[in-house]
Amino acid sequence: MPRQTQPATRPARRRSYDQFCAGARALDAVGDRWTLLIVRELLAGPRRYTDLHADLPGVSTDVLASRLKDMEKGGLVTRRKLPPPAAASVYELTARGHGLLPVLAALAEWGAPALAERRPTDAVRAHWFALPLLGALKGTAATGVLDVHLDEGEFHIRTGEATAGEPVYGDGPAADADARIALDAELCLALGRGEAVFAEAVGDGRIEVSGDSPLAKELRGS
């Protein structure tokens, strides 16, 4: 009788760097692949598992479920049931998870030069341009909700200081937007790379601003 071979066992995934270092501890929590991108999606507010999977092209269902479970254990996300008639659960960031916004913003700024050319295999979602744009609007005095129109789609962002638990941006236009801008994706990325200045782009017509709110007037420079 031929000898049956046992399947090779995978080594257990290392859960900690075991280093008394703040950076190592942070990577223990968010260093796994997909974790920070899940945070990016949840900065838009509570999301269902199916919504997360749709906006994270390339992640397997097993990996997404595993990461969400780890993030729950680590206090980064929480899961709750929606009240009837919506028979679904949503994931949302805790205050600790929301505290990763400046980390993601810094990563977006650092990674922006790598977006000089879009690869044929690159997926794209309009709201992925929110972080570079938020960096370009840092220091905006007026607080409000800004609708952003790109050829790739529409999203909205919240200007001013975001509080823990409050959505930083969202997919599609907002019902209560205070202002609206239209620009192209290349300019949005140039703003994120620091190669363009928002006020100058408004002045030469590359960004169209509409609305009569204090936010719209500030963005127009009027």
Foldseek 3Di string as FASTA:
>chain_A
DDDDDDDDDDDDDDQFPPDPDPVRVVCSQQVDPPRVVLLVVQLQPWDFLVVSPVVPPPDDSVVSVVSVVSCVVVQQKDKDADDPPDGGIIIHGFLVNNVCLVVVLVVCLVCLVVVPDDDPPDDDAVCVLVSLQQVLCPPQPDWWKEWEDEPRAIKIATHDDDHRNDRGIHGHDDPGGQKYKYAYPVVSSCSSNVNDHQQVCLVVVRMDMDHDHPSSCVSPVD
